[in-house]
């Protein structure tokens, strides 16, 4: 037997309540007048919103992947810059060692004056 839901107050039934205990003739009259409607199960897609949530999560995943790619690119650039700076430090260390090694070990006649 189908279920019927009140669209408006009918006796002791309030809007949204299930109509029970009425004769078929009374139910048909109320249906014809629009005071009640036949209850239908809501579609699962509409009730839980899972499709909307899936789309939202898919968009968030795409954003996270894009951010991850940007971070990876920035890391590669930073690693290259670090390698370049290390090479510069090594070159400056060589120059410093070369400059300190060229100091004269003995005093010349001109230095003594």
PDB file of N, CA and C in Angstrom:
ATOM      1  N   UNK A   1       0.853  -1.173   0.000  1.00  0.00           N
ATOM      2  CA  UNK A   1       0.000   0.000   0.000  1.00  0.00           C
ATOM      3  C   UNK A   1       0.897   1.234   0.000  1.00  0.00           C
ATOM      4  N   UNK A   2       0.627   2.174  -0.873  1.00  0.00           N
ATOM      5  CA  UNK A   2       1.449   3.382  -0.941  1.00  0.00           C
ATOM      6  C   UNK A   2       1.257   4.251   0.296  1.00  0.00           C
ATOM      7  N   UNK A   3       2.270   5.029   0.562  1.00  0.00           N
ATOM      8  CA  UNK A   3       2.215   5.955   1.693  1.00  0.00           C
ATOM      9  C   UNK A   3       1.806   7.331   1.167  1.00  0.00           C
ATOM     10  N   UNK A   4       1.121   8.083   2.007  1.00  0.00           N
ATOM     11  CA  UNK A   4       0.702   9.427   1.644  1.00  0.00           C
ATOM     12  C   UNK A   4       1.196  10.405   2.697  1.00  0.00           C
ATOM     13  N   UNK A   5       1.627  11.582   2.253  1.00  0.00           N
ATOM     14  CA  UNK A   5       2.164  12.625   3.125  1.00  0.00           C
ATOM     15  C   UNK A   5       1.265  13.857   3.015  1.00  0.00           C
ATOM     16  N   UNK A   6       0.968  14.449   4.164  1.00  0.00           N
ATOM     17  CA  UNK A   6       0.135  15.653   4.185  1.00  0.00           C
ATOM     18  C   UNK A   6       0.929  16.854   3.679  1.00  0.00           C
ATOM     19  N   UNK A   7       0.328  17.605   2.767  1.00  0.00           N
ATOM     20  CA  UNK A   7       0.943  18.841   2.283  1.00  0.00           C
ATOM     21  C   UNK A   7       0.465  20.041   3.102  1.00  0.00           C
ATOM     22  N   UNK A   8      -0.661  19.841   3.781  1.00  0.00           N
ATOM     23  CA  UNK A   8      -1.229  20.885   4.637  1.00  0.00           C
ATOM     24  C   UNK A   8      -1.884  20.196   5.827  1.00  0.00           C
ATOM     25  N   UNK A   9      -2.279  20.962   6.801  1.00  0.00           N
ATOM     26  CA  UNK A   9      -2.925  20.382   7.985  1.00  0.00           C
ATOM     27  C   UNK A   9      -4.263  19.758   7.611  1.00  0.00           C
ATOM     28  N   UNK A  10      -4.426  18.502   8.014  1.00  0.00           N
ATOM     29  CA  UNK A  10      -5.686  17.783   7.776  1.00  0.00           C
ATOM     30  C   UNK A  10      -6.035  17.083   9.083  1.00  0.00           C
ATOM     31  N   UNK A  11      -7.015  17.592   9.777  1.00  0.00           N
ATOM     32  CA  UNK A  11      -7.394  17.013  11.066  1.00  0.00           C
ATOM     33  C   UNK A  11      -6.214  17.063  12.019  1.00  0.00           C
ATOM     34  N   UNK A  12      -5.828  15.909  12.546  1.00  0.00           N
ATOM     35  CA  UNK A  12      -4.693  15.876  13.462  1.00  0.00           C
ATOM     36  C   UNK A  12      -3.361  15.655  12.747  1.00  0.00           C
ATOM     37  N   UNK A  13      -3.382  15.530  11.406  1.00  0.00           N
ATOM     38  CA  UNK A  13      -2.148  15.369  10.618  1.00  0.00           C
ATOM     39  C   UNK A  13      -1.573  16.745  10.272  1.00  0.00           C
ATOM     40  N   UNK A  14      -0.298  16.902  10.470  1.00  0.00           N
ATOM     41  CA  UNK A  14       0.393  18.159  10.150  1.00  0.00           C
ATOM     42  C   UNK A  14       1.175  17.993   8.853  1.00  0.00           C
ATOM     43  N   UNK A  15       1.528  19.099   8.205  1.00  0.00           N
ATOM     44  CA  UNK A  15       2.278  18.997   6.950  1.00  0.00           C
ATOM     45  C   UNK A  15       3.559  18.183   7.142  1.00  0.00           C
ATOM     46  N   UNK A  16       3.781  17.264   6.224  1.00  0.00           N
ATOM     47  CA  UNK A  16       4.962  16.428   6.266  1.00  0.00           C
ATOM     48  C   UNK A  16       4.755  15.110   6.987  1.00  0.00           C
ATOM     49  N   UNK A  17       3.652  14.943   7.695  1.00  0.00           N
ATOM     50  CA  UNK A  17       3.378  13.691   8.403  1.00  0.00           C
ATOM     51  C   UNK A  17       2.745  12.678   7.458  1.00  0.00           C
ATOM     52  N   UNK A  18       2.953  11.401   7.791  1.00  0.00           N
ATOM     53  CA  UNK A  18       2.355  10.326   7.003  1.00  0.00           C
ATOM     54  C   UNK A  18       0.880  10.188   7.383  1.00  0.00           C
ATOM     55  N   UNK A  19       0.032  10.050   6.371  1.00  0.00           N
ATOM     56  CA  UNK A  19      -1.402   9.894   6.580  1.00  0.00           C
ATOM     57  C   UNK A  19      -1.691   8.401   6.767  1.00  0.00           C
ATOM     58  N   UNK A  20      -2.321   8.056   7.857  1.00  0.00           N
ATOM     59  CA  UNK A  20      -2.656   6.656   8.147  1.00  0.00           C
ATOM     60  C   UNK A  20      -4.091   6.570   8.649  1.00  0.00           C
ATOM     61  N   UNK A  21      -4.734   5.433   8.360  1.00  0.00           N
ATOM     62  CA  UNK A  21      -6.046   5.152   8.937  1.00  0.00           C
ATOM     63  C   UNK A  21      -7.216   5.741   8.187  1.00  0.00           C
ATOM     64  N   UNK A  22      -7.017   6.251   6.995  1.00  0.00           N
ATOM     65  CA  UNK A  22      -8.141   6.789   6.226  1.00  0.00           C
ATOM     66  C   UNK A  22      -8.583   5.770   5.185  1.00  0.00           C
ATOM     67  N   UNK A  23      -9.835   5.856   4.815  1.00  0.00           N
ATOM     68  CA  UNK A  23     -10.398   4.978   3.786  1.00  0.00           C
ATOM     69  C   UNK A  23      -9.855   5.375   2.416  1.00  0.00           C
ATOM     70  N   UNK A  24      -9.895   4.452   1.482  1.00  0.00           N
ATOM     71  CA  UNK A  24      -9.401   4.675   0.122  1.00  0.00           C
ATOM     72  C   UNK A  24     -10.132   5.837  -0.532  1.00  0.00           C
ATOM     73  N   UNK A  25     -11.454   5.931  -0.302  1.00  0.00           N
ATOM     74  CA  UNK A  25     -12.249   7.010  -0.892  1.00  0.00           C
ATOM     75  C   UNK A  25     -11.771   8.358  -0.361  1.00  0.00           C
ATOM     76  N   UNK A  26     -11.515   8.437   0.928  1.00  0.00           N
ATOM     77  CA  UNK A  26     -11.036   9.685   1.539  1.00  0.00           C
ATOM     78  C   UNK A  26      -9.650  10.047   0.994  1.00  0.00           C
ATOM     79  N   UNK A  27      -8.794   9.044   0.873  1.00  0.00           N
ATOM     80  CA  UNK A  27      -7.446   9.289   0.337  1.00  0.00           C
ATOM     81  C   UNK A  27      -7.511   9.822  -1.089  1.00  0.00           C
ATOM     82  N   UNK A  28      -8.398   9.223  -1.906  1.00  0.00           N
ATOM     83  CA  UNK A  28      -8.526   9.676  -3.298  1.00  0.00           C
ATOM     84  C   UNK A  28      -9.041  11.104  -3.357  1.00  0.00           C
ATOM     85  N   UNK A  29      -9.957  11.456  -2.499  1.00  0.00           N
ATOM     86  CA  UNK A  29     -10.496  12.815  -2.475  1.00  0.00           C
ATOM     87  C   UNK A  29      -9.415  13.809  -2.053  1.00  0.00           C
ATOM     88  N   UNK A  30      -8.616  13.441  -1.054  1.00  0.00           N
ATOM     89  CA  UNK A  30      -7.542  14.336  -0.606  1.00  0.00           C
ATOM     90  C   UNK A  30      -6.449  14.460  -1.667  1.00  0.00           C
ATOM     91  N   UNK A  31      -6.169  13.365  -2.354  1.00  0.00           N
ATOM     92  CA  UNK A  31      -5.198  13.425  -3.455  1.00  0.00           C
ATOM     93  C   UNK A  31      -5.689  14.357  -4.550  1.00  0.00           C
ATOM     94  N   UNK A  32      -6.976  14.233  -4.902  1.00  0.00           N
ATOM     95  CA  UNK A  32      -7.553  15.069  -5.961  1.00  0.00           C
ATOM     96  C   UNK A  32      -7.536  16.547  -5.576  1.00  0.00           C
ATOM     97  N   UNK A  33      -7.740  16.831  -4.289  1.00  0.00           N
ATOM     98  CA  UNK A  33      -7.751  18.226  -3.851  1.00  0.00           C
ATOM     99  C   UNK A  33      -6.345  18.803  -3.693  1.00  0.00           C
ATOM    100  N   UNK A  34      -5.317  17.918  -3.650  1.00  0.00           N
ATOM    101  CA  UNK A  34      -3.943  18.390  -3.515  1.00  0.00           C
ATOM    102  C   UNK A  34      -3.513  18.565  -2.072  1.00  0.00           C
ATOM    103  N   UNK A  35      -4.335  18.114  -1.130  1.00  0.00           N
ATOM    104  CA  UNK A  35      -4.016  18.262   0.283  1.00  0.00           C
ATOM    105  C   UNK A  35      -2.951  17.257   0.723  1.00  0.00           C
ATOM    106  N   UNK A  36      -2.866  16.136   0.007  1.00  0.00           N
ATOM    107  CA  UNK A  36      -1.851  15.126   0.306  1.00  0.00           C
ATOM    108  C   UNK A  36      -1.157  14.731  -0.993  1.00  0.00           C
ATOM    109  N   UNK A  37      -0.037  14.072  -0.848  1.00  0.00           N
ATOM    110  CA  UNK A  37       0.684  13.572  -2.019  1.00  0.00           C
ATOM    111  C   UNK A  37       1.215  12.188  -1.709  1.00  0.00           C
ATOM    112  N   UNK A  38       1.432  11.421  -2.758  1.00  0.00           N
ATOM    113  CA  UNK A  38       1.971  10.080  -2.568  1.00  0.00           C
ATOM    114  C   UNK A  38       3.455  10.202  -2.254  1.00  0.00           C
ATOM    115  N   UNK A  39       3.867   9.446  -1.253  1.00  0.00           N
ATOM    116  CA  UNK A  39       5.266   9.492  -0.813  1.00  0.00           C
ATOM    117  C   UNK A  39       6.125   8.725  -1.804  1.00  0.00           C
ATOM    118  N   UNK A  40       7.216   9.338  -2.215  1.00  0.00           N
ATOM    119  CA  UNK A  40       8.187   8.667  -3.079  1.00  0.00           C
ATOM    120  C   UNK A  40       9.541   8.726  -2.396  1.00  0.00           C
ATOM    121  N   UNK A  41      10.280   7.656  -2.496  1.00  0.00           N
ATOM    122  CA  UNK A  41      11.614   7.603  -1.903  1.00  0.00           C
ATOM    123  C   UNK A  41      12.499   8.630  -2.604  1.00  0.00           C
ATOM    124  N   UNK A  42      13.187   9.449  -1.851  1.00  0.00           N
ATOM    125  CA  UNK A  42      14.102  10.401  -2.499  1.00  0.00           C
ATOM    126  C   UNK A  42      15.242   9.641  -3.162  1.00  0.00           C
ATOM    127  N   UNK A  43      15.706  10.181  -4.259  1.00  0.00           N
ATOM    128  CA  UNK A  43      16.830   9.551  -4.956  1.00  0.00           C
ATOM    129  C   UNK A  43      18.062   9.638  -4.080  1.00  0.00           C
ATOM    130  N   UNK A  44      18.871   8.599  -4.127  1.00  0.00           N
ATOM    131  CA  UNK A  44      20.049   8.530  -3.268  1.00  0.00           C
ATOM    132  C   UNK A  44      21.030   9.651  -3.617  1.00  0.00           C
ATOM    133  N   UNK A  45      21.135   9.992  -4.876  1.00  0.00           N
ATOM    134  CA  UNK A  45      22.058  11.055  -5.290  1.00  0.00           C
ATOM    135  C   UNK A  45      21.687  12.378  -4.624  1.00  0.00           C
ATOM    136  N   UNK A  46      20.403  12.644  -4.555  1.00  0.00           N
ATOM    137  CA  UNK A  46      19.973  13.910  -3.982  1.00  0.00           C
ATOM    138  C   UNK A  46      20.080  13.903  -2.458  1.00  0.00           C
ATOM    139  N   UNK A  47      19.826  12.752  -1.841  1.00  0.00           N
ATOM    140  CA  UNK A  47      19.768  12.728  -0.393  1.00  0.00           C
ATOM    141  C   UNK A  47      21.139  12.834   0.258  1.00  0.00           C
ATOM    142  N   UNK A  48      22.142  12.136  -0.287  1.00  0.00           N
ATOM    143  CA  UNK A  48      23.432  12.172   0.401  1.00  0.00           C
ATOM    144  C   UNK A  48      24.433  13.140  -0.238  1.00  0.00           C
ATOM    145  N   UNK A  49      24.180  13.605  -1.433  1.00  0.00           N
ATOM    146  CA  UNK A  49      25.067  14.572  -2.062  1.00  0.00           C
ATOM    147  C   UNK A  49      26.444  14.026  -2.387  1.00  0.00           C
ATOM    148  N   UNK A  50      26.530  12.712  -2.584  1.00  0.00           N
ATOM    149  CA  UNK A  50      27.847  12.103  -2.800  1.00  0.00           C
ATOM    150  C   UNK A  50      28.476  12.546  -4.119  1.00  0.00           C
ATOM    151  N   UNK A  51      27.658  12.765  -5.146  1.00  0.00           N
ATOM    152  CA  UNK A  51      28.221  13.220  -6.425  1.00  0.00           C
ATOM    153  C   UNK A  51      28.856  14.595  -6.282  1.00  0.00           C
ATOM    154  N   UNK A  52      28.177  15.469  -5.570  1.00  0.00           N
ATOM    155  CA  UNK A  52      28.732  16.806  -5.341  1.00  0.00           C
ATOM    156  C   UNK A  52      30.017  16.745  -4.542  1.00  0.00           C
ATOM    157  N   UNK A  53      30.031  15.867  -3.538  1.00  0.00           N
ATOM    158  CA  UNK A  53      31.230  15.715  -2.720  1.00  0.00           C
ATOM    159  C   UNK A  53      32.370  15.141  -3.547  1.00  0.00           C
ATOM    160  N   UNK A  54      32.060  14.164  -4.407  1.00  0.00           N
ATOM    161  CA  UNK A  54      33.099  13.582  -5.255  1.00  0.00           C
ATOM    162  C   UNK A  54      33.689  14.621  -6.198  1.00  0.00           C
ATOM    163  N   UNK A  55      32.841  15.444  -6.770  1.00  0.00           N
ATOM    164  CA  UNK A  55      33.328  16.498  -7.666  1.00  0.00           C
ATOM    165  C   UNK A  55      34.175  17.501  -6.907  1.00  0.00           C
ATOM    166  N   UNK A  56      33.755  17.840  -5.703  1.00  0.00           N
ATOM    167  CA  UNK A  56      34.523  18.785  -4.891  1.00  0.00           C
ATOM    168  C   UNK A  56      35.878  18.191  -4.523  1.00  0.00           C
ATOM    169  N   UNK A  57      35.885  16.920  -4.133  1.00  0.00           N
ATOM    170  CA  UNK A  57      37.145  16.272  -3.784  1.00  0.00           C
ATOM    171  C   UNK A  57      38.057  16.143  -5.000  1.00  0.00           C
ATOM    172  N   UNK A  58      37.472  15.858  -6.158  1.00  0.00           N
ATOM    173  CA  UNK A  58      38.276  15.757  -7.373  1.00  0.00           C
ATOM    174  C   UNK A  58      38.921  17.105  -7.700  1.00  0.00           C
ATOM    175  N   UNK A  59      38.181  18.184  -7.502  1.00  0.00           N
ATOM    176  CA  UNK A  59      38.742  19.513  -7.736  1.00  0.00           C
ATOM    177  C   UNK A  59      39.853  19.817  -6.741  1.00  0.00           C
ATOM    178  N   UNK A  60      39.652  19.440  -5.483  1.00  0.00           N
ATOM    179  CA  UNK A  60      40.687  19.658  -4.469  1.00  0.00           C
ATOM    180  C   UNK A  60      41.936  18.842  -4.782  1.00  0.00           C
ATOM    181  N   UNK A  61      41.758  17.620  -5.252  1.00  0.00           N
ATOM    182  CA  UNK A  61      42.903  16.782  -5.624  1.00  0.00           C
ATOM    183  C   UNK A  61      43.663  17.419  -6.774  1.00  0.00           C
ATOM    184  N   UNK A  62      42.948  17.943  -7.756  1.00  0.00           N
ATOM    185  CA  UNK A  62      43.606  18.603  -8.883  1.00  0.00           C
ATOM    186  C   UNK A  62      44.404  19.818  -8.400  1.00  0.00           C
ATOM    187  N   UNK A  63      43.830  20.590  -7.478  1.00  0.00           N
ATOM    188  CA  UNK A  63      44.546  21.750  -6.928  1.00  0.00           C
ATOM    189  C   UNK A  63      45.799  21.310  -6.167  1.00  0.00           C
ATOM    190  N   UNK A  64      45.668  20.253  -5.385  1.00  0.00           N
ATOM    191  CA  UNK A  64      46.820  19.764  -4.623  1.00  0.00           C
ATOM    192  C   UNK A  64      47.919  19.249  -5.556  1.00  0.00           C
ATOM    193  N   UNK A  65      47.525  18.584  -6.628  1.00  0.00           N
ATOM    194  CA  UNK A  65      48.524  18.098  -7.585  1.00  0.00           C
ATOM    195  C   UNK A  65      49.244  19.271  -8.253  1.00  0.00           C
ATOM    196  N   UNK A  66      48.490  20.316  -8.591  1.00  0.00           N
ATOM    197  CA  UNK A  66      49.104  21.493  -9.200  1.00  0.00           C
ATOM    198  C   UNK A  66      50.062  22.166  -8.216  1.00  0.00           C
ATOM    199  N   UNK A  67      49.651  22.293  -6.953  1.00  0.00           N
ATOM    200  CA  UNK A  67      50.518  22.888  -5.938  1.00  0.00           C
ATOM    201  C   UNK A  67      51.755  22.028  -5.704  1.00  0.00           C
ATOM    202  N   UNK A  68      51.590  20.724  -5.723  1.00  0.00           N
ATOM    203  CA  UNK A  68      52.707  19.804  -5.540  1.00  0.00           C
ATOM    204  C   UNK A  68      53.708  19.961  -6.686  1.00  0.00           C
ATOM    205  N   UNK A  69      53.198  20.112  -7.907  1.00  0.00           N
ATOM    206  CA  UNK A  69      54.085  20.298  -9.059  1.00  0.00           C
ATOM    207  C   UNK A  69      54.857  21.607  -8.934  1.00  0.00           C
ATOM    208  N   UNK A  70      54.175  22.664  -8.498  1.00  0.00           N
ATOM    209  CA  UNK A  70      54.855  23.952  -8.313  1.00  0.00           C
ATOM    210  C   UNK A  70      55.953  23.839  -7.255  1.00  0.00           C
ATOM    211  N   UNK A  71      55.646  23.157  -6.163  1.00  0.00           N
ATOM    212  CA  UNK A  71      56.647  22.981  -5.114  1.00  0.00           C
ATOM    213  C   UNK A  71      57.828  22.148  -5.608  1.00  0.00           C
ATOM    214  N   UNK A  72      57.551  21.131  -6.398  1.00  0.00           N
ATOM    215  CA  UNK A  72      58.629  20.305  -6.949  1.00  0.00           C
ATOM    216  C   UNK A  72      59.525  21.134  -7.877  1.00  0.00           C
ATOM    217  N   UNK A  73      58.893  21.963  -8.704  1.00  0.00           N
ATOM    218  CA  UNK A  73      59.671  22.825  -9.607  1.00  0.00           C
ATOM    219  C   UNK A  73      60.528  23.804  -8.809  1.00  0.00           C
ATOM    220  N   UNK A  74      59.941  24.391  -7.768  1.00  0.00           N
ATOM    221  CA  UNK A  74      60.695  25.321  -6.929  1.00  0.00           C
ATOM    222  C   UNK A  74      61.856  24.617  -6.227  1.00  0.00           C
ATOM    223  N   UNK A  75      61.658  23.377  -5.812  1.00  0.00           N
ATOM    224  CA  UNK A  75      62.718  22.616  -5.145  1.00  0.00           C
ATOM    225  C   UNK A  75      63.868  22.360  -6.114  1.00  0.00           C
ATOM    226  N   UNK A  76      63.546  22.018  -7.361  1.00  0.00           N
ATOM    227  CA  UNK A  76      64.593  21.786  -8.359  1.00  0.00           C
ATOM    228  C   UNK A  76      65.401  23.066  -8.579  1.00  0.00           C
ATOM    229  N   UNK A  77      64.718  24.200  -8.674  1.00  0.00           N
ATOM    230  CA  UNK A  77      65.405  25.481  -8.855  1.00  0.00           C
ATOM    231  C   UNK A  77      66.293  25.789  -7.650  1.00  0.00           C
ATOM    232  N   UNK A  78      65.755  25.556  -6.437  1.00  0.00           N
ATOM    233  CA  UNK A  78      66.524  25.835  -5.222  1.00  0.00           C
ATOM    234  C   UNK A  78      67.750  24.919  -5.141  1.00  0.00           C
ATOM    235  N   UNK A  79      67.588  23.643  -5.498  1.00  0.00           N
ATOM    236  CA  UNK A  79      68.724  22.712  -5.480  1.00  0.00           C
ATOM    237  C   UNK A  79      69.801  23.156  -6.470  1.00  0.00           C
ATOM    238  N   UNK A  80      69.401  23.636  -7.637  1.00  0.00           N
ATOM    239  CA  UNK A  80      70.367  24.123  -8.627  1.00  0.00           C
ATOM    240  C   UNK A  80      71.088  25.359  -8.102  1.00  0.00           C
ATOM    241  N   UNK A  81      70.357  26.244  -7.451  1.00  0.00           N
ATOM    242  CA  UNK A  81      70.964  27.451  -6.888  1.00  0.00           C
ATOM    243  C   UNK A  81      71.951  27.090  -5.778  1.00  0.00           C
ATOM    244  N   UNK A  82      71.599  26.118  -4.949  1.00  0.00           N
ATOM    245  CA  UNK A  82      72.495  25.666  -3.874  1.00  0.00           C
ATOM    246  C   UNK A  82      73.776  25.089  -4.464  1.00  0.00           C
ATOM    247  N   UNK A  83      73.648  24.287  -5.516  1.00  0.00           N
ATOM    248  CA  UNK A  83      74.829  23.706  -6.154  1.00  0.00           C
ATOM    249  C   UNK A  83      75.718  24.798  -6.733  1.00  0.00           C
ATOM    250  N   UNK A  84      75.105  25.820  -7.332  1.00  0.00           N
ATOM    251  CA  UNK A  84      75.869  26.940  -7.892  1.00  0.00           C
ATOM    252  C   UNK A  84      76.601  27.707  -6.788  1.00  0.00           C
ATOM    253  N   UNK A  85      75.901  27.942  -5.677  1.00  0.00           N
ATOM    254  CA  UNK A  85      76.529  28.653  -4.564  1.00  0.00           C
ATOM    255  C   UNK A  85      77.673  27.846  -3.945  1.00  0.00           C
ATOM    256  N   UNK A  86      77.518  26.533  -3.860  1.00  0.00           N
ATOM    257  CA  UNK A  86      78.588  25.691  -3.336  1.00  0.00           C
ATOM    258  C   UNK A  86      79.807  25.745  -4.248  1.00  0.00           C
ATOM    259  N   UNK A  87      79.564  25.770  -5.554  1.00  0.00           N
ATOM    260  CA  UNK A  87      80.676  25.866  -6.501  1.00  0.00           C
ATOM    261  C   UNK A  87      81.392  27.212  -6.339  1.00  0.00           C
ATOM    262  N   UNK A  88      80.638  28.278  -6.126  1.00  0.00           N
ATOM    263  CA  UNK A  88      81.241  29.589  -5.916  1.00  0.00           C
ATOM    264  C   UNK A  88      82.060  29.616  -4.638  1.00  0.00           C
ATOM    265  N   UNK A  89      81.544  29.008  -3.567  1.00  0.00           N
ATOM    266  CA  UNK A  89      82.271  28.947  -2.301  1.00  0.00           C
ATOM    267  C   UNK A  89      83.570  28.169  -2.492  1.00  0.00           C
ATOM    268  N   UNK A  90      83.511  27.060  -3.198  1.00  0.00           N
ATOM    269  CA  UNK A  90      84.716  26.265  -3.444  1.00  0.00           C
ATOM    270  C   UNK A  90      85.739  27.071  -4.228  1.00  0.00           C
ATOM    271  N   UNK A  91      85.310  27.819  -5.224  1.00  0.00           N
ATOM    272  CA  UNK A  91      86.216  28.651  -6.022  1.00  0.00           C
ATOM    273  C   UNK A  91      86.829  29.742  -5.155  1.00  0.00           C
ATOM    274  N   UNK A  92      86.028  30.378  -4.305  1.00  0.00           N
ATOM    275  CA  UNK A  92      86.556  31.413  -3.419  1.00  0.00           C
ATOM    276  C   UNK A  92      87.547  30.827  -2.409  1.00  0.00           C
ATOM    277  N   UNK A  93      87.298  29.619  -1.922  1.00  0.00           N
ATOM    278  CA  UNK A  93      88.251  28.951  -1.025  1.00  0.00           C
ATOM    279  C   UNK A  93      89.583  28.721  -1.736  1.00  0.00           C
ATOM    280  N   UNK A  94      89.541  28.310  -2.992  1.00  0.00           N
ATOM    281  CA  UNK A  94      90.774  28.102  -3.775  1.00  0.00           C
ATOM    282  C   UNK A  94      91.538  29.413  -3.909  1.00  0.00           C
ATOM    283  N   UNK A  95      90.781  30.469  -4.232  1.00  0.00           N
ATOM    284  CA  UNK A  95      91.431  31.771  -4.397  1.00  0.00           C
ATOM    285  C   UNK A  95      92.047  32.246  -3.093  1.00  0.00           C
ATOM    286  N   UNK A  96      91.370  32.024  -1.980  1.00  0.00           N
ATOM    287  CA  UNK A  96      91.887  32.426  -0.679  1.00  0.00           C
ATOM    288  C   UNK A  96      93.160  31.652  -0.347  1.00  0.00           C
ATOM    289  N   UNK A  97      93.141  30.352  -0.569  1.00  0.00           N
ATOM    290  CA  UNK A  97      94.331  29.545  -0.317  1.00  0.00           C
ATOM    291  C   UNK A  97      95.487  29.977  -1.210  1.00  0.00           C
ATOM    292  N   UNK A  98      95.180  30.285  -2.470  1.00  0.00           N
ATOM    293  CA  UNK A  98      96.225  30.721  -3.395  1.00  0.00           C
ATOM    294  C   UNK A  98      96.786  32.077  -2.960  1.00  0.00           C
ATOM    295  N   UNK A  99      95.942  32.968  -2.485  1.00  0.00           N
ATOM    296  CA  UNK A  99      96.397  34.291  -2.072  1.00  0.00           C
ATOM    297  C   UNK A  99      97.231  34.213  -0.796  1.00  0.00           C
ATOM    298  N   UNK A 100      96.862  33.352   0.113  1.00  0.00           N
ATOM    299  CA  UNK A 100      97.633  33.232   1.350  1.00  0.00           C
ATOM    300  C   UNK A 100      98.930  32.475   1.137  1.00  0.00           C
ATOM    301  N   UNK A 101      99.014  31.630   0.129  1.00  0.00           N
ATOM    302  CA  UNK A 101     100.229  30.864  -0.159  1.00  0.00           C
ATOM    303  C   UNK A 101     101.280  31.722  -0.836  1.00  0.00           C
ATOM    304  N   UNK A 102     100.906  32.820  -1.468  1.00  0.00           N
ATOM    305  CA  UNK A 102     101.843  33.670  -2.205  1.00  0.00           C
ATOM    306  C   UNK A 102     102.575  34.655  -1.312  1.00  0.00           C
ATOM    307  N   UNK A 103     102.310  34.692  -0.020  1.00  0.00           N
ATOM    308  CA  UNK A 103     103.016  35.617   0.866  1.00  0.00           C
ATOM    309  C   UNK A 103     104.480  35.252   0.885  1.00  0.00           C
ATOM    310  N   UNK A 104     105.331  36.265   0.839  1.00  0.00           N
ATOM    311  CA  UNK A 104     106.764  35.964   0.857  1.00  0.00           C
ATOM    312  C   UNK A 104     107.168  35.413   2.226  1.00  0.00           C
ATOM    313  N   UNK A 105     107.956  34.372   2.200  1.00  0.00           N
ATOM    314  CA  UNK A 105     108.389  33.728   3.420  1.00  0.00           C
ATOM    315  C   UNK A 105     109.601  34.422   4.016  1.00  0.00           C
ATOM    316  N   UNK A 106     110.464  35.015   3.180  1.00  0.00           N
ATOM    317  CA  UNK A 106     111.668  35.685   3.676  1.00  0.00           C
ATOM    318  C   UNK A 106     111.558  37.173   3.428  1.00  0.00           C
ATOM    319  N   UNK A 107     112.246  37.934   4.250  1.00  0.00           N
ATOM    320  CA  UNK A 107     112.238  39.371   4.077  1.00  0.00           C
ATOM    321  C   UNK A 107     113.306  39.749   3.067  1.00  0.00           C
ATOM    322  N   UNK A 108     112.935  40.655   2.228  1.00  0.00           N
ATOM    323  CA  UNK A 108     113.897  41.152   1.251  1.00  0.00           C
ATOM    324  C   UNK A 108     114.526  42.427   1.778  1.00  0.00           C
ATOM    325  N   UNK A 109     115.461  42.958   1.061  1.00  0.00           N
ATOM    326  CA  UNK A 109     116.158  44.164   1.487  1.00  0.00           C
ATOM    327  C   UNK A 109     115.203  45.348   1.519  1.00  0.00           C
ATOM    328  N   UNK A 110     114.253  45.382   0.600  1.00  0.00           N
ATOM    329  CA  UNK A 110     113.333  46.500   0.554  1.00  0.00           C
ATOM    330  C   UNK A 110     112.361  46.459   1.729  1.00  0.00           C
ATOM    331  N   UNK A 111     112.014  45.285   2.187  1.00  0.00           N
ATOM    332  CA  UNK A 111     111.085  45.156   3.313  1.00  0.00           C
ATOM    333  C   UNK A 111     111.763  45.547   4.626  1.00  0.00           C
ATOM    334  N   UNK A 112     113.055  45.373   4.722  1.00  0.00           N
ATOM    335  CA  UNK A 112     113.770  45.642   5.959  1.00  0.00           C
ATOM    336  C   UNK A 112     113.855  47.152   6.215  1.00  0.00           C
ATOM    337  N   UNK A 113     113.860  47.964   5.209  1.00  0.00           N
ATOM    338  CA  UNK A 113     114.001  49.416   5.385  1.00  0.00           C
ATOM    339  C   UNK A 113     112.815  50.016   5.940  1.00  0.00           C
TER     340      UNK A 113
END
